[in-house]
Amino acid sequence: MPHVLIPQLIALYEAGRFPFDKLIKHYAFEDINQAFEDSENGVTLKPVVTF
């Protein structure tokens, strides 16, 4: 139930108990292969490739 879960996640984030920022890692487009590798190996949960 997203209408329950999402507000709970936001509350945890605001309380500093859900490190959402640490789950995302930005990569330059030239490092796209590293982004895929880090995602496969669990180094980052959400790789974001920027142009």
C-alpha atoms as a PDB file:
ATOM      1  CA  MET A   1       0.000   0.000   0.000  1.00  0.00           C
ATOM      2  CA  PRO A   2       1.953   2.988  -1.309  1.00  0.00           C
ATOM      3  CA  HIS A   3      -0.275   5.510   0.462  1.00  0.00           C
ATOM      4  CA  VAL A   4       0.970   4.054   3.765  1.00  0.00           C
ATOM      5  CA  LEU A   5       4.537   3.040   2.891  1.00  0.00           C
ATOM      6  CA  ILE A   6       5.670   6.249   1.168  1.00  0.00           C
ATOM      7  CA  PRO A   7       4.738   8.561   4.083  1.00  0.00           C
ATOM      8  CA  GLN A   8       6.498   6.151   6.461  1.00  0.00           C
ATOM      9  CA  LEU A   9       9.666   6.242   4.323  1.00  0.00           C
ATOM     10  CA  ILE A  10       9.541  10.041   4.202  1.00  0.00           C
ATOM     11  CA  ALA A  11       9.180  10.199   7.989  1.00  0.00           C
ATOM     12  CA  LEU A  12      12.168   7.872   8.423  1.00  0.00           C
ATOM     13  CA  TYR A  13      14.209   9.994   6.009  1.00  0.00           C
ATOM     14  CA  GLU A  14      13.315  13.203   7.808  1.00  0.00           C
ATOM     15  CA  ALA A  15      14.273  11.586  11.132  1.00  0.00           C
ATOM     16  CA  GLY A  16      17.654  10.629   9.672  1.00  0.00           C
ATOM     17  CA  ARG A  17      16.928   6.916   9.873  1.00  0.00           C
ATOM     18  CA  PHE A  18      16.694   6.175   6.129  1.00  0.00           C
ATOM     19  CA  PRO A  19      19.874   7.201   4.252  1.00  0.00           C
ATOM     20  CA  PHE A  20      18.235   7.578   0.848  1.00  0.00           C
ATOM     21  CA  ASP A  21      21.030   9.861  -0.361  1.00  0.00           C
ATOM     22  CA  LYS A  22      23.600   7.127   0.243  1.00  0.00           C
ATOM     23  CA  LEU A  23      21.707   4.643  -1.950  1.00  0.00           C
ATOM     24  CA  ILE A  24      22.165   6.751  -5.089  1.00  0.00           C
ATOM     25  CA  LYS A  25      25.493   7.336  -6.815  1.00  0.00           C
ATOM     26  CA  HIS A  26      26.083   9.629  -9.796  1.00  0.00           C
ATOM     27  CA  TYR A  27      28.366   8.652 -12.669  1.00  0.00           C
ATOM     28  CA  ALA A  28      29.613  10.591 -15.655  1.00  0.00           C
ATOM     29  CA  PHE A  29      28.498   9.146 -18.986  1.00  0.00           C
ATOM     30  CA  GLU A  30      32.074   8.029 -19.640  1.00  0.00           C
ATOM     31  CA  ASP A  31      31.855   5.820 -16.531  1.00  0.00           C
ATOM     32  CA  ILE A  32      28.706   3.991 -17.613  1.00  0.00           C
ATOM     33  CA  ASN A  33      30.419   0.588 -17.491  1.00  0.00           C
ATOM     34  CA  GLN A  34      31.490   1.241 -13.901  1.00  0.00           C
ATOM     35  CA  ALA A  35      27.904   2.209 -13.063  1.00  0.00           C
ATOM     36  CA  PHE A  36      26.626  -1.124 -14.363  1.00  0.00           C
ATOM     37  CA  GLU A  37      29.351  -3.023 -12.537  1.00  0.00           C
ATOM     38  CA  ASP A  38      28.686  -1.222  -9.250  1.00  0.00           C
ATOM     39  CA  SER A  39      24.982  -1.956  -9.599  1.00  0.00           C
ATOM     40  CA  GLU A  40      25.608  -5.654 -10.247  1.00  0.00           C
ATOM     41  CA  ASN A  41      28.022  -5.937  -7.316  1.00  0.00           C
ATOM     42  CA  GLY A  42      25.736  -4.116  -4.895  1.00  0.00           C
ATOM     43  CA  VAL A  43      28.074  -1.136  -4.460  1.00  0.00           C
ATOM     44  CA  THR A  44      25.178   1.184  -5.231  1.00  0.00           C
ATOM     45  CA  LEU A  45      21.463   0.584  -5.319  1.00  0.00           C
ATOM     46  CA  LYS A  46      20.628   3.206  -7.942  1.00  0.00           C
ATOM     47  CA  PRO A  47      23.313   4.374 -10.338  1.00  0.00           C
ATOM     48  CA  VAL A  48      22.480   7.648 -12.083  1.00  0.00           C
ATOM     49  CA  VAL A  49      24.375   8.403 -15.291  1.00  0.00           C
ATOM     50  CA  THR A  50      24.652  12.075 -16.202  1.00  0.00           C
ATOM     51  CA  PHE A  51      25.451  13.557 -19.590  1.00  0.00           C
END
